[in-house]
Amino acid sequence: MTTGRFTLPTVSLFAHRSPAPAGAPRRALRVFRALAAVVALPLVTGCGYNSIQTYDEQAQQAKQNIDAQLQRRADLIPNLVNTVKGFASQESEVLTAVTQARAGLVGALQKTGGSDPAELANANQALTSALGRLSVTVEAYPQLKSDQNFLRLQDELTGTENRIAVARTDYNGAVRLYNEYIRKFPQVLTAKVIGSKPRTYFEVTDAAARAAPVVDFSKPKS
């Protein structure tokens, strides 16, 4: 720029601005996330986060107890079947049904990704029905009914079934508490944020599994 006899230098406001460091945006983002976490933590804990985790853990522990008792029941079945075979090998149809039902329960317990309570309940009920038919069949064999090994297995199965009933009650109670809690406000918002979903009850959903045991004594024994 020229003023009279003197020429003034032209100065750019942006000519000498230093470029921002390459990692500045990333550092700013990390700082923002850290601050957001600090601000959000009291909000989340105040909206039931800790209670959701506690109730979920209680339900999970109750489910593990059910799994353990069901596995115990399944482990007793092969000895029971072999004992009955020693006195009533001709009852192959009933024994096969028990073996297949037991296999169904084991399959449900060993399902990839974890067992499903509803599937376990249906498989367990199917085994109960098959054992019911076996019990009716056993009535025709007095020697089998008085066999000490058979009586011991029956007692062990009865005790296991009682423990399953208690475990089922405990689990369903824990699930009810958890499911009801995450449906309430403001916990429902926290549940959506952390991905907590309702749990499945341990209850029979397959009507066929509820079928009462039926044994046809009119069939001739081979």
C-alpha atoms as a PDB file:
ATOM      1  CA  MET A   1       0.000   0.000   0.000  1.00  0.00           C
ATOM      2  CA  THR A   2       1.440   3.422  -1.054  1.00  0.00           C
ATOM      3  CA  THR A   3       0.923   6.622   0.977  1.00  0.00           C
ATOM      4  CA  GLY A   4       2.663   9.693  -0.467  1.00  0.00           C
ATOM      5  CA  ARG A   5       6.343   8.841  -0.764  1.00  0.00           C
ATOM      6  CA  PHE A   6       6.255   5.814   1.591  1.00  0.00           C
ATOM      7  CA  THR A   7       5.188   2.276   0.807  1.00  0.00           C
ATOM      8  CA  LEU A   8       3.661   0.353   3.753  1.00  0.00           C
ATOM      9  CA  PRO A   9       4.036  -3.392   3.908  1.00  0.00           C
ATOM     10  CA  THR A  10       0.841  -5.473   3.475  1.00  0.00           C
ATOM     11  CA  VAL A  11       0.169  -7.711   6.462  1.00  0.00           C
ATOM     12  CA  SER A  12      -2.096 -10.791   6.215  1.00  0.00           C
ATOM     13  CA  LEU A  13      -3.970 -11.761   9.353  1.00  0.00           C
ATOM     14  CA  PHE A  14      -3.698 -15.449   8.430  1.00  0.00           C
ATOM     15  CA  ALA A  15      -0.221 -15.579   6.942  1.00  0.00           C
ATOM     16  CA  HIS A  16       1.609 -16.703  10.069  1.00  0.00           C
ATOM     17  CA  ARG A  17      -1.065 -18.858  11.835  1.00  0.00           C
ATOM     18  CA  SER A  18       0.494 -22.132  12.970  1.00  0.00           C
ATOM     19  CA  PRO A  19      -1.330 -25.276  11.864  1.00  0.00           C
ATOM     20  CA  ALA A  20      -3.100 -27.269  14.621  1.00  0.00           C
ATOM     21  CA  PRO A  21      -1.232 -30.366  15.818  1.00  0.00           C
ATOM     22  CA  ALA A  22      -2.199 -33.469  13.893  1.00  0.00           C
ATOM     23  CA  GLY A  23      -3.439 -35.327  16.973  1.00  0.00           C
ATOM     24  CA  ALA A  24      -5.432 -32.467  18.487  1.00  0.00           C
ATOM     25  CA  PRO A  25      -8.905 -33.590  17.275  1.00  0.00           C
ATOM     26  CA  ARG A  26      -8.372 -37.085  18.647  1.00  0.00           C
ATOM     27  CA  ARG A  27      -7.172 -35.796  22.001  1.00  0.00           C
ATOM     28  CA  ALA A  28     -10.138 -33.461  22.193  1.00  0.00           C
ATOM     29  CA  LEU A  29     -12.490 -36.362  21.444  1.00  0.00           C
ATOM     30  CA  ARG A  30     -10.936 -38.475  24.181  1.00  0.00           C
ATOM     31  CA  VAL A  31     -11.253 -35.648  26.652  1.00  0.00           C
ATOM     32  CA  PHE A  32     -14.883 -35.151  25.663  1.00  0.00           C
ATOM     33  CA  ARG A  33     -15.666 -38.832  26.123  1.00  0.00           C
ATOM     34  CA  ALA A  34     -13.968 -38.889  29.513  1.00  0.00           C
ATOM     35  CA  LEU A  35     -15.934 -35.861  30.643  1.00  0.00           C
ATOM     36  CA  ALA A  36     -19.162 -37.394  29.320  1.00  0.00           C
ATOM     37  CA  ALA A  37     -18.473 -40.583  31.262  1.00  0.00           C
ATOM     38  CA  VAL A  38     -17.839 -38.632  34.459  1.00  0.00           C
ATOM     39  CA  VAL A  39     -21.084 -36.718  34.002  1.00  0.00           C
ATOM     40  CA  ALA A  40     -23.105 -39.783  32.988  1.00  0.00           C
ATOM     41  CA  LEU A  41     -21.914 -42.107  35.753  1.00  0.00           C
ATOM     42  CA  PRO A  42     -23.971 -40.538  38.545  1.00  0.00           C
ATOM     43  CA  LEU A  43     -26.963 -40.389  36.218  1.00  0.00           C
ATOM     44  CA  VAL A  44     -26.699 -44.064  35.294  1.00  0.00           C
ATOM     45  CA  THR A  45     -26.135 -45.268  38.850  1.00  0.00           C
ATOM     46  CA  GLY A  46     -29.033 -43.100  39.959  1.00  0.00           C
ATOM     47  CA  CYS A  47     -31.273 -44.769  37.370  1.00  0.00           C
ATOM     48  CA  GLY A  48     -30.862 -48.313  38.667  1.00  0.00           C
ATOM     49  CA  TYR A  49     -27.687 -49.528  36.955  1.00  0.00           C
ATOM     50  CA  ASN A  50     -26.291 -51.216  40.066  1.00  0.00           C
ATOM     51  CA  SER A  51     -29.626 -52.814  40.940  1.00  0.00           C
ATOM     52  CA  ILE A  52     -30.049 -54.126  37.396  1.00  0.00           C
ATOM     53  CA  GLN A  53     -26.667 -55.827  37.626  1.00  0.00           C
ATOM     54  CA  THR A  54     -27.488 -57.272  41.055  1.00  0.00           C
ATOM     55  CA  TYR A  55     -30.869 -58.680  40.033  1.00  0.00           C
ATOM     56  CA  ASP A  56     -29.450 -60.068  36.795  1.00  0.00           C
ATOM     57  CA  GLU A  57     -26.651 -61.832  38.668  1.00  0.00           C
ATOM     58  CA  GLN A  58     -29.132 -63.329  41.140  1.00  0.00           C
ATOM     59  CA  ALA A  59     -31.216 -64.707  38.267  1.00  0.00           C
ATOM     60  CA  GLN A  60     -28.109 -66.116  36.585  1.00  0.00           C
ATOM     61  CA  GLN A  61     -27.008 -67.897  39.745  1.00  0.00           C
ATOM     62  CA  ALA A  62     -30.483 -69.372  40.187  1.00  0.00           C
ATOM     63  CA  LYS A  63     -30.395 -70.631  36.602  1.00  0.00           C
ATOM     64  CA  GLN A  64     -27.038 -72.300  37.171  1.00  0.00           C
ATOM     65  CA  ASN A  65     -28.584 -74.144  40.117  1.00  0.00           C
ATOM     66  CA  ILE A  66     -31.398 -75.407  37.879  1.00  0.00           C
ATOM     67  CA  ASP A  67     -28.847 -76.571  35.293  1.00  0.00           C
ATOM     68  CA  ALA A  68     -26.895 -78.462  37.964  1.00  0.00           C
ATOM     69  CA  GLN A  69     -29.981 -80.258  39.281  1.00  0.00           C
ATOM     70  CA  LEU A  70     -31.192 -81.138  35.787  1.00  0.00           C
ATOM     71  CA  GLN A  71     -27.765 -82.530  34.922  1.00  0.00           C
ATOM     72  CA  ARG A  72     -27.872 -84.601  38.099  1.00  0.00           C
ATOM     73  CA  ARG A  73     -31.254 -85.988  37.059  1.00  0.00           C
ATOM     74  CA  ALA A  74     -29.979 -86.828  33.589  1.00  0.00           C
ATOM     75  CA  ASP A  75     -26.936 -88.596  35.070  1.00  0.00           C
ATOM     76  CA  LEU A  76     -29.170 -90.937  37.086  1.00  0.00           C
ATOM     77  CA  ILE A  77     -31.233 -92.121  34.112  1.00  0.00           C
ATOM     78  CA  PRO A  78     -28.748 -94.572  32.475  1.00  0.00           C
ATOM     79  CA  ASN A  79     -28.390 -96.552  35.726  1.00  0.00           C
ATOM     80  CA  LEU A  80     -32.157 -96.615  36.140  1.00  0.00           C
ATOM     81  CA  VAL A  81     -32.696 -97.879  32.588  1.00  0.00           C
ATOM     82  CA  ASN A  82     -30.062-100.606  32.994  1.00  0.00           C
ATOM     83  CA  THR A  83     -31.610-101.731  36.273  1.00  0.00           C
ATOM     84  CA  VAL A  84     -35.063-102.004  34.722  1.00  0.00           C
ATOM     85  CA  LYS A  85     -33.633-103.899  31.755  1.00  0.00           C
ATOM     86  CA  GLY A  86     -32.381-106.580  34.141  1.00  0.00           C
ATOM     87  CA  PHE A  87     -35.977-107.398  35.109  1.00  0.00           C
ATOM     88  CA  ALA A  88     -38.060-106.166  32.189  1.00  0.00           C
ATOM     89  CA  SER A  89     -35.934-106.141  29.060  1.00  0.00           C
ATOM     90  CA  GLN A  90     -39.053-106.755  26.979  1.00  0.00           C
ATOM     91  CA  GLU A  91     -40.272-103.237  27.807  1.00  0.00           C
ATOM     92  CA  SER A  92     -38.005-101.837  25.117  1.00  0.00           C
ATOM     93  CA  GLU A  93     -40.518 -99.242  23.889  1.00  0.00           C
ATOM     94  CA  VAL A  94     -40.861 -97.589  27.285  1.00  0.00           C
ATOM     95  CA  LEU A  95     -37.130 -97.782  27.981  1.00  0.00           C
ATOM     96  CA  THR A  96     -36.305 -96.279  24.593  1.00  0.00           C
ATOM     97  CA  ALA A  97     -38.697 -93.398  25.271  1.00  0.00           C
ATOM     98  CA  VAL A  98     -36.925 -92.674  28.574  1.00  0.00           C
ATOM     99  CA  THR A  99     -33.515 -92.801  26.909  1.00  0.00           C
ATOM    100  CA  GLN A 100     -34.619 -90.456  24.131  1.00  0.00           C
ATOM    101  CA  ALA A 101     -36.175 -88.014  26.590  1.00  0.00           C
ATOM    102  CA  ARG A 102     -32.976 -88.039  28.605  1.00  0.00           C
ATOM    103  CA  ALA A 103     -30.992 -87.281  25.442  1.00  0.00           C
ATOM    104  CA  GLY A 104     -33.309 -84.342  24.755  1.00  0.00           C
ATOM    105  CA  LEU A 105     -32.633 -82.909  28.216  1.00  0.00           C
ATOM    106  CA  VAL A 106     -28.877 -83.316  27.861  1.00  0.00           C
ATOM    107  CA  GLY A 107     -29.027 -81.631  24.458  1.00  0.00           C
ATOM    108  CA  ALA A 108     -30.909 -78.673  25.922  1.00  0.00           C
ATOM    109  CA  LEU A 109     -28.360 -78.386  28.740  1.00  0.00           C
ATOM    110  CA  GLN A 110     -25.434 -78.449  26.329  1.00  0.00           C
ATOM    111  CA  LYS A 111     -26.909 -76.050  23.775  1.00  0.00           C
ATOM    112  CA  THR A 112     -24.320 -73.866  22.072  1.00  0.00           C
ATOM    113  CA  GLY A 113     -24.433 -70.350  23.445  1.00  0.00           C
ATOM    114  CA  GLY A 114     -26.063 -71.416  26.694  1.00  0.00           C
ATOM    115  CA  SER A 115     -29.212 -73.261  27.668  1.00  0.00           C
ATOM    116  CA  ASP A 116     -32.640 -71.680  27.276  1.00  0.00           C
ATOM    117  CA  PRO A 117     -34.878 -71.953  30.372  1.00  0.00           C
ATOM    118  CA  ALA A 118     -38.049 -72.604  28.365  1.00  0.00           C
ATOM    119  CA  GLU A 119     -36.371 -75.359  26.336  1.00  0.00           C
ATOM    120  CA  LEU A 120     -35.015 -76.882  29.538  1.00  0.00           C
ATOM    121  CA  ALA A 121     -38.479 -76.843  31.095  1.00  0.00           C
ATOM    122  CA  ASN A 122     -40.001 -78.585  28.068  1.00  0.00           C
ATOM    123  CA  ALA A 123     -37.214 -81.185  27.900  1.00  0.00           C
ATOM    124  CA  ASN A 124     -37.450 -81.842  31.621  1.00  0.00           C
ATOM    125  CA  GLN A 125     -41.215 -82.270  31.413  1.00  0.00           C
ATOM    126  CA  ALA A 126     -40.813 -84.679  28.509  1.00  0.00           C
ATOM    127  CA  LEU A 127     -38.477 -86.757  30.677  1.00  0.00           C
ATOM    128  CA  THR A 128     -40.954 -86.603  33.547  1.00  0.00           C
ATOM    129  CA  SER A 129     -43.688 -87.955  31.256  1.00  0.00           C
ATOM    130  CA  ALA A 130     -41.440 -90.765  30.025  1.00  0.00           C
ATOM    131  CA  LEU A 131     -40.510 -91.700  33.591  1.00  0.00           C
ATOM    132  CA  GLY A 132     -44.194 -91.643  34.491  1.00  0.00           C
ATOM    133  CA  ARG A 133     -44.887 -94.262  31.823  1.00  0.00           C
ATOM    134  CA  LEU A 134     -41.949 -96.284  33.137  1.00  0.00           C
ATOM    135  CA  SER A 135     -43.330 -96.141  36.681  1.00  0.00           C
ATOM    136  CA  VAL A 136     -46.680 -97.470  35.497  1.00  0.00           C
ATOM    137  CA  THR A 137     -44.913-100.292  33.654  1.00  0.00           C
ATOM    138  CA  VAL A 138     -42.838-101.202  36.702  1.00  0.00           C
ATOM    139  CA  GLU A 139     -46.040-102.008  38.615  1.00  0.00           C
ATOM    140  CA  ALA A 140     -46.241-105.245  36.638  1.00  0.00           C
ATOM    141  CA  TYR A 141     -42.846-106.410  37.970  1.00  0.00           C
ATOM    142  CA  PRO A 142     -42.897-107.051  41.759  1.00  0.00           C
ATOM    143  CA  GLN A 143     -39.294-108.261  41.845  1.00  0.00           C
ATOM    144  CA  LEU A 144     -38.108-105.055  40.184  1.00  0.00           C
ATOM    145  CA  LYS A 145     -40.122-102.925  42.607  1.00  0.00           C
ATOM    146  CA  SER A 146     -38.368-104.591  45.540  1.00  0.00           C
ATOM    147  CA  ASP A 147     -34.866-104.483  44.066  1.00  0.00           C
ATOM    148  CA  GLN A 148     -32.581-102.440  46.334  1.00  0.00           C
ATOM    149  CA  ASN A 149     -30.675-100.783  43.505  1.00  0.00           C
ATOM    150  CA  PHE A 150     -33.928 -99.746  41.847  1.00  0.00           C
ATOM    151  CA  LEU A 151     -35.303 -98.385  45.122  1.00  0.00           C
ATOM    152  CA  ARG A 152     -32.106 -96.407  45.717  1.00  0.00           C
ATOM    153  CA  LEU A 153     -32.248 -94.861  42.257  1.00  0.00           C
ATOM    154  CA  GLN A 154     -35.899 -94.006  42.740  1.00  0.00           C
ATOM    155  CA  ASP A 155     -35.081 -92.240  46.007  1.00  0.00           C
ATOM    156  CA  GLU A 156     -32.237 -90.302  44.374  1.00  0.00           C
ATOM    157  CA  LEU A 157     -34.465 -89.263  41.485  1.00  0.00           C
ATOM    158  CA  THR A 158     -37.215 -88.169  43.858  1.00  0.00           C
ATOM    159  CA  GLY A 159     -34.758 -86.076  45.873  1.00  0.00           C
ATOM    160  CA  THR A 160     -33.373 -84.502  42.692  1.00  0.00           C
ATOM    161  CA  GLU A 161     -36.864 -83.712  41.423  1.00  0.00           C
ATOM    162  CA  ASN A 162     -37.651 -81.967  44.707  1.00  0.00           C
ATOM    163  CA  ARG A 163     -34.491 -79.879  44.402  1.00  0.00           C
ATOM    164  CA  ILE A 164     -35.413 -79.005  40.816  1.00  0.00           C
ATOM    165  CA  ALA A 165     -38.805 -77.789  42.034  1.00  0.00           C
ATOM    166  CA  VAL A 166     -37.150 -75.543  44.640  1.00  0.00           C
ATOM    167  CA  ALA A 167     -34.594 -74.266  42.110  1.00  0.00           C
ATOM    168  CA  ARG A 168     -37.384 -73.516  39.628  1.00  0.00           C
ATOM    169  CA  THR A 169     -39.260 -71.476  42.225  1.00  0.00           C
ATOM    170  CA  ASP A 170     -36.114 -69.560  43.166  1.00  0.00           C
ATOM    171  CA  TYR A 171     -35.208 -68.872  39.550  1.00  0.00           C
ATOM    172  CA  ASN A 172     -38.662 -67.741  38.458  1.00  0.00           C
ATOM    173  CA  GLY A 173     -38.844 -65.475  41.511  1.00  0.00           C
ATOM    174  CA  ALA A 174     -35.488 -63.892  40.638  1.00  0.00           C
ATOM    175  CA  VAL A 175     -36.539 -63.465  37.006  1.00  0.00           C
ATOM    176  CA  ARG A 176     -39.827 -61.851  37.996  1.00  0.00           C
ATOM    177  CA  LEU A 177     -38.004 -59.350  40.218  1.00  0.00           C
ATOM    178  CA  TYR A 178     -35.491 -58.539  37.484  1.00  0.00           C
ATOM    179  CA  ASN A 179     -38.048 -58.280  34.660  1.00  0.00           C
ATOM    180  CA  GLU A 180     -40.382 -56.063  36.673  1.00  0.00           C
ATOM    181  CA  TYR A 181     -37.510 -53.808  37.716  1.00  0.00           C
ATOM    182  CA  ILE A 182     -36.205 -53.104  34.201  1.00  0.00           C
ATOM    183  CA  ARG A 183     -39.718 -52.241  33.001  1.00  0.00           C
ATOM    184  CA  LYS A 184     -40.070 -49.417  35.521  1.00  0.00           C
ATOM    185  CA  PHE A 185     -39.112 -45.809  34.881  1.00  0.00           C
ATOM    186  CA  PRO A 186     -36.357 -44.585  34.886  1.00  0.00           C
ATOM    187  CA  GLN A 187     -34.691 -48.034  35.013  1.00  0.00           C
ATOM    188  CA  VAL A 188     -36.168 -48.873  31.613  1.00  0.00           C
ATOM    189  CA  LEU A 189     -33.988 -46.146  30.083  1.00  0.00           C
ATOM    190  CA  THR A 190     -30.866 -47.507  31.735  1.00  0.00           C
ATOM    191  CA  ALA A 191     -31.761 -51.033  30.631  1.00  0.00           C
ATOM    192  CA  LYS A 192     -32.007 -49.905  27.006  1.00  0.00           C
ATOM    193  CA  VAL A 193     -28.680 -48.091  27.183  1.00  0.00           C
ATOM    194  CA  ILE A 194     -26.772 -51.068  28.630  1.00  0.00           C
ATOM    195  CA  GLY A 195     -28.658 -53.707  26.624  1.00  0.00           C
ATOM    196  CA  SER A 196     -30.434 -55.456  29.492  1.00  0.00           C
ATOM    197  CA  LYS A 197     -33.336 -57.556  28.205  1.00  0.00           C
ATOM    198  CA  PRO A 198     -36.106 -59.513  29.967  1.00  0.00           C
ATOM    199  CA  ARG A 199     -35.201 -63.041  31.013  1.00  0.00           C
ATOM    200  CA  THR A 200     -37.162 -66.161  30.105  1.00  0.00           C
ATOM    201  CA  TYR A 201     -39.054 -68.050  32.810  1.00  0.00           C
ATOM    202  CA  PHE A 202     -38.473 -71.736  33.498  1.00  0.00           C
ATOM    203  CA  GLU A 203     -41.918 -72.975  32.529  1.00  0.00           C
ATOM    204  CA  VAL A 204     -43.342 -75.565  30.157  1.00  0.00           C
ATOM    205  CA  THR A 205     -44.501 -74.048  26.873  1.00  0.00           C
ATOM    206  CA  ASP A 206     -44.980 -77.277  24.897  1.00  0.00           C
ATOM    207  CA  ALA A 207     -48.447 -78.731  25.453  1.00  0.00           C
ATOM    208  CA  ALA A 208     -47.289 -82.146  24.209  1.00  0.00           C
ATOM    209  CA  ALA A 209     -44.739 -82.322  27.021  1.00  0.00           C
ATOM    210  CA  ARG A 210     -47.577 -82.141  29.551  1.00  0.00           C
ATOM    211  CA  ALA A 211     -49.214 -85.332  28.270  1.00  0.00           C
ATOM    212  CA  ALA A 212     -50.117 -87.745  31.024  1.00  0.00           C
ATOM    213  CA  PRO A 213     -48.372 -91.148  30.940  1.00  0.00           C
ATOM    214  CA  VAL A 214     -50.336 -93.824  29.110  1.00  0.00           C
ATOM    215  CA  VAL A 215     -49.385 -97.482  29.034  1.00  0.00           C
ATOM    216  CA  ASP A 216     -51.333-100.065  27.056  1.00  0.00           C
ATOM    217  CA  PHE A 217     -51.199-103.359  28.974  1.00  0.00           C
ATOM    218  CA  SER A 218     -53.214-105.043  26.262  1.00  0.00           C
ATOM    219  CA  LYS A 219     -50.100-105.349  24.103  1.00  0.00           C
ATOM    220  CA  PRO A 220     -48.579-108.810  24.301  1.00  0.00           C
ATOM    221  CA  LYS A 221     -45.084-108.911  25.779  1.00  0.00           C
ATOM    222  CA  SER A 222     -42.478-110.413  23.499  1.00  0.00           C
END
